[in-house]
Amino acid sequence: MNAQAQRTQVGAPDPNAKTSLIAEEMDEEYDVARLAVPGEPVCYFNNHQFGHGQEICSGSTRLQCRHGVWLRTGSCYTSS
């Protein structure tokens, strides 16, 4: 089974739905968001809740929930 099959495909963010910030780990936005949601155990994507460490796919982009902030961690079409 490929790695993508293990991740939920959520589609594009809906601007009218609750979605946590999506950032790059080395991005200044990530640092600001981490201060705003210290230790938040979940992330939201289009009103759906995902736990810390869980990965999803938004189109071809792989996202991982880290303390309330989505981090771009690569492509959903590769196993790395």
C-alpha atoms as a PDB file:
ATOM      1  CA  MET A   1       0.000   0.000   0.000  1.00  0.00           C
ATOM      2  CA  ASN A   2       1.363   3.444  -0.825  1.00  0.00           C
ATOM      3  CA  ALA A   3       1.748   6.207   1.763  1.00  0.00           C
ATOM      4  CA  GLN A   4      -0.932   8.400   0.177  1.00  0.00           C
ATOM      5  CA  ALA A   5      -3.574   5.727   0.794  1.00  0.00           C
ATOM      6  CA  GLN A   6      -2.947   6.113   4.529  1.00  0.00           C
ATOM      7  CA  ARG A   7      -3.695   9.864   4.536  1.00  0.00           C
ATOM      8  CA  THR A   8      -7.096  11.509   4.271  1.00  0.00           C
ATOM      9  CA  GLN A   9      -7.577  13.614   1.118  1.00  0.00           C
ATOM     10  CA  VAL A  10      -9.313  16.797   2.282  1.00  0.00           C
ATOM     11  CA  GLY A  11      -9.296  18.884  -0.901  1.00  0.00           C
ATOM     12  CA  ALA A  12      -8.771  22.643  -0.935  1.00  0.00           C
ATOM     13  CA  PRO A  13      -9.360  24.840   2.126  1.00  0.00           C
ATOM     14  CA  ASP A  14     -12.865  26.313   2.226  1.00  0.00           C
ATOM     15  CA  PRO A  15     -12.627  30.008   3.219  1.00  0.00           C
ATOM     16  CA  ASN A  16     -16.007  29.701   5.000  1.00  0.00           C
ATOM     17  CA  ALA A  17     -14.947  26.731   7.141  1.00  0.00           C
ATOM     18  CA  LYS A  18     -12.690  26.525  10.184  1.00  0.00           C
ATOM     19  CA  THR A  19      -9.148  25.691   9.070  1.00  0.00           C
ATOM     20  CA  SER A  20      -5.996  26.071  11.160  1.00  0.00           C
ATOM     21  CA  LEU A  21      -3.091  28.099   9.810  1.00  0.00           C
ATOM     22  CA  ILE A  22      -0.993  26.354   7.144  1.00  0.00           C
ATOM     23  CA  ALA A  23       2.685  27.313   7.367  1.00  0.00           C
ATOM     24  CA  GLU A  24       6.231  26.282   6.582  1.00  0.00           C
ATOM     25  CA  GLU A  25       8.201  25.149   9.645  1.00  0.00           C
ATOM     26  CA  MET A  26      10.910  27.724   9.079  1.00  0.00           C
ATOM     27  CA  ASP A  27       8.335  30.421   8.251  1.00  0.00           C
ATOM     28  CA  GLU A  28       7.837  33.422  10.540  1.00  0.00           C
ATOM     29  CA  GLU A  29       4.079  32.693  10.402  1.00  0.00           C
ATOM     30  CA  TYR A  30       4.714  29.347  12.090  1.00  0.00           C
ATOM     31  CA  ASP A  31       6.497  31.015  15.019  1.00  0.00           C
ATOM     32  CA  VAL A  32       3.679  33.558  15.429  1.00  0.00           C
ATOM     33  CA  ALA A  33       0.991  30.867  15.187  1.00  0.00           C
ATOM     34  CA  ARG A  34       2.741  28.670  17.758  1.00  0.00           C
ATOM     35  CA  LEU A  35       2.602  31.575  20.220  1.00  0.00           C
ATOM     36  CA  ALA A  36      -1.091  32.139  19.476  1.00  0.00           C
ATOM     37  CA  VAL A  37      -2.072  28.485  19.988  1.00  0.00           C
ATOM     38  CA  PRO A  38       0.464  27.128  22.498  1.00  0.00           C
ATOM     39  CA  GLY A  39       0.091  23.385  22.867  1.00  0.00           C
ATOM     40  CA  GLU A  40      -3.179  23.172  20.942  1.00  0.00           C
ATOM     41  CA  PRO A  41      -3.765  19.407  20.607  1.00  0.00           C
ATOM     42  CA  VAL A  42      -5.734  19.533  17.352  1.00  0.00           C
ATOM     43  CA  CYS A  43      -5.830  21.164  13.928  1.00  0.00           C
ATOM     44  CA  TYR A  44      -8.910  21.923  11.867  1.00  0.00           C
ATOM     45  CA  PHE A  45      -9.371  21.589   8.130  1.00  0.00           C
ATOM     46  CA  ASN A  46     -12.746  22.545   6.632  1.00  0.00           C
ATOM     47  CA  ASN A  47     -14.438  22.105  10.037  1.00  0.00           C
ATOM     48  CA  HIS A  48     -12.929  18.615  10.542  1.00  0.00           C
ATOM     49  CA  GLN A  49     -10.688  18.010  13.550  1.00  0.00           C
ATOM     50  CA  PHE A  50      -7.343  16.172  13.308  1.00  0.00           C
ATOM     51  CA  GLY A  51      -5.016  15.210  16.154  1.00  0.00           C
ATOM     52  CA  HIS A  52      -1.429  16.291  16.738  1.00  0.00           C
ATOM     53  CA  GLY A  53       0.898  14.359  14.419  1.00  0.00           C
ATOM     54  CA  GLN A  54      -1.831  13.330  11.985  1.00  0.00           C
ATOM     55  CA  GLU A  55      -1.100  13.840   8.278  1.00  0.00           C
ATOM     56  CA  ILE A  56      -3.583  14.752   5.549  1.00  0.00           C
ATOM     57  CA  CYS A  57      -3.402  15.602   1.864  1.00  0.00           C
ATOM     58  CA  SER A  58      -4.740  18.847   0.450  1.00  0.00           C
ATOM     59  CA  GLY A  59      -4.488  18.190  -3.260  1.00  0.00           C
ATOM     60  CA  SER A  60      -0.884  17.119  -3.775  1.00  0.00           C
ATOM     61  CA  THR A  61       0.395  18.840  -0.608  1.00  0.00           C
ATOM     62  CA  ARG A  62       1.044  16.746   2.497  1.00  0.00           C
ATOM     63  CA  LEU A  63       0.221  18.545   5.754  1.00  0.00           C
ATOM     64  CA  GLN A  64       1.017  17.467   9.302  1.00  0.00           C
ATOM     65  CA  CYS A  65      -0.786  18.787  12.388  1.00  0.00           C
ATOM     66  CA  ARG A  66       1.725  20.120  14.896  1.00  0.00           C
ATOM     67  CA  HIS A  67       0.248  21.667  18.007  1.00  0.00           C
ATOM     68  CA  GLY A  68      -2.633  23.399  16.231  1.00  0.00           C
ATOM     69  CA  VAL A  69      -0.745  24.504  13.103  1.00  0.00           C
ATOM     70  CA  TRP A  70      -0.610  22.667   9.771  1.00  0.00           C
ATOM     71  CA  LEU A  71       2.921  22.265   8.447  1.00  0.00           C
ATOM     72  CA  ARG A  72       3.668  21.548   4.796  1.00  0.00           C
ATOM     73  CA  THR A  73       5.794  18.403   4.914  1.00  0.00           C
ATOM     74  CA  GLY A  74       6.077  17.485   1.251  1.00  0.00           C
ATOM     75  CA  SER A  75       4.131  15.877  -1.523  1.00  0.00           C
ATOM     76  CA  CYS A  76       1.361  13.336  -1.133  1.00  0.00           C
ATOM     77  CA  TYR A  77       2.740  11.553  -4.172  1.00  0.00           C
ATOM     78  CA  THR A  78       6.038  10.532  -2.562  1.00  0.00           C
ATOM     79  CA  SER A  79       6.700   8.302   0.420  1.00  0.00           C
ATOM     80  CA  SER A  80       9.145  10.726   2.067  1.00  0.00           C
END
